[in-house]
Amino acid sequence: GKHWTVNEVRALIRIWSDKNIQQQLEGTVRNKRIFEQVAARLQKLGIDRDWKQCRTKYKNLKHEYKSVKSAQDSGSTSKSMKFFNELDAILGHCAMEQASKSDN
């Protein structure tokens, strides 16, 4: 597919940061319907992406975020990514919740 622009990724992250979308994503692995909603919302913004592209981008961003995060946790500052702060706002709390669950 064609390369995602910064604006497209920002729009994707903005939709993803919607509490409703997050709850749906956290609760399921079979998430085609959710990404169809995401794609529809992008479409309204004039961004033409299908659900597969949205899901792939979501997975890639999440993966990249996790690898940067774990590098930071181990004290390395060499790894960074463009949308880290935006993703940390969404995923950081999930990671924290998971961490506090495993502490108990």
Protein backbone atom coordinates (compact mmCIF):
# COMPACT_ATOMS: atom_id res chain seq x y z
CA GLY A 1 0.00 0.00 0.00
CA LYS A 2 1.04 3.61 -0.20
CA HIS A 3 3.05 5.16 2.56
CA TRP A 4 1.21 6.70 5.53
CA THR A 5 1.73 10.45 5.84
CA VAL A 6 2.29 12.16 9.19
CA ASN A 7 -1.24 13.58 9.03
CA GLU A 8 -2.74 10.18 8.33
CA VAL A 9 -0.90 8.61 11.25
CA ARG A 10 -1.97 11.50 13.51
CA ALA A 11 -5.58 10.99 12.47
CA LEU A 12 -5.30 7.25 13.09
CA ILE A 13 -3.82 7.87 16.55
CA ARG A 14 -6.52 10.42 17.35
CA ILE A 15 -9.25 7.90 16.51
CA TRP A 16 -7.38 5.17 18.38
CA SER A 17 -7.17 7.42 21.46
CA ASP A 18 -10.99 7.43 21.62
CA LYS A 19 -11.84 5.62 24.88
CA ASN A 20 -14.60 3.67 23.15
CA ILE A 21 -12.23 2.35 20.45
CA GLN A 22 -9.56 1.54 23.05
CA GLN A 23 -11.97 -0.50 25.15
CA GLN A 24 -13.07 -2.45 22.09
CA LEU A 25 -9.47 -3.09 21.05
CA GLU A 26 -8.42 -4.20 24.52
CA GLY A 27 -11.24 -6.71 24.70
CA THR A 28 -10.72 -8.57 21.43
CA VAL A 29 -8.33 -10.20 19.01
CA ARG A 30 -10.82 -10.51 16.15
CA ASN A 31 -10.99 -6.81 15.57
CA LYS A 32 -11.95 -6.44 11.90
CA ARG A 33 -15.21 -4.66 12.77
CA ILE A 34 -13.39 -2.15 14.97
CA PHE A 35 -10.92 -1.34 12.22
CA GLU A 36 -13.77 -0.99 9.77
CA GLN A 37 -15.10 1.74 12.09
CA VAL A 38 -11.65 3.31 12.26
CA ALA A 39 -11.37 3.26 8.45
CA ALA A 40 -14.83 4.81 8.13
CA ARG A 41 -13.83 7.62 10.49
CA LEU A 42 -10.63 8.23 8.50
CA GLN A 43 -12.73 8.28 5.32
CA LYS A 44 -14.79 11.14 6.78
CA LEU A 45 -11.53 13.04 7.19
CA GLY A 46 -10.72 12.39 3.54
CA ILE A 47 -8.19 9.66 4.30
CA ASP A 48 -8.67 6.62 2.11
CA ARG A 49 -7.48 3.55 4.02
CA ASP A 50 -9.13 0.17 4.33
CA TRP A 51 -9.48 -1.72 7.61
CA LYS A 52 -6.50 -3.97 6.83
CA GLN A 53 -4.21 -0.98 6.32
CA CYS A 54 -5.48 0.54 9.58
CA ARG A 55 -4.94 -2.68 11.48
CA THR A 56 -1.46 -3.19 10.06
CA LYS A 57 -0.47 0.38 10.89
CA TYR A 58 -1.91 0.00 14.39
CA LYS A 59 0.07 -3.20 14.96
CA ASN A 60 3.26 -1.66 13.61
CA LEU A 61 2.92 1.45 15.75
CA LYS A 62 2.18 -0.63 18.81
CA HIS A 63 5.17 -2.88 18.15
CA GLU A 64 7.48 0.07 17.56
CA TYR A 65 6.20 1.79 20.69
CA LYS A 66 6.83 -1.32 22.80
CA SER A 67 10.38 -1.73 21.55
CA VAL A 68 11.19 1.95 22.21
CA LYS A 69 9.52 1.73 25.62
CA SER A 70 11.47 -1.36 26.68
CA ALA A 71 14.71 0.18 25.41
CA GLN A 72 13.98 3.25 27.56
CA ASP A 73 13.11 1.08 30.54
CA SER A 74 16.49 -0.58 30.24
CA GLY A 75 18.18 2.81 30.22
CA SER A 76 18.85 3.18 26.50
CA THR A 77 18.01 6.50 24.89
CA SER A 78 19.19 5.55 21.40
CA LYS A 79 15.78 4.31 20.29
CA SER A 80 13.03 6.80 19.56
CA MET A 81 10.03 7.17 17.31
CA LYS A 82 7.99 9.99 15.87
CA PHE A 83 4.69 9.45 17.69
CA PHE A 84 6.02 8.14 20.98
CA ASN A 85 4.36 10.73 23.22
CA GLU A 86 0.97 10.34 21.56
CA LEU A 87 1.20 6.57 21.84
CA ASP A 88 2.48 6.74 25.39
CA ALA A 89 -0.66 8.69 26.30
CA ILE A 90 -2.74 5.79 24.96
CA LEU A 91 -0.59 2.74 25.68
CA GLY A 92 1.36 3.95 28.70
CA HIS A 93 -1.63 3.61 30.99
CA CYS A 94 -2.38 0.11 29.70
CA ALA A 95 1.18 -0.94 30.43
CA MET A 96 0.97 0.62 33.89
CA GLU A 97 -2.27 -1.20 34.67
CA GLN A 98 -0.76 -4.48 33.54
CA ALA A 99 2.35 -3.83 35.65
CA SER A 100 0.36 -3.06 38.79
CA LYS A 101 -1.73 -6.21 38.26
CA SER A 102 1.37 -8.37 38.08
CA ASP A 103 2.85 -6.76 41.21
CA ASN A 104 0.00 -7.93 43.41
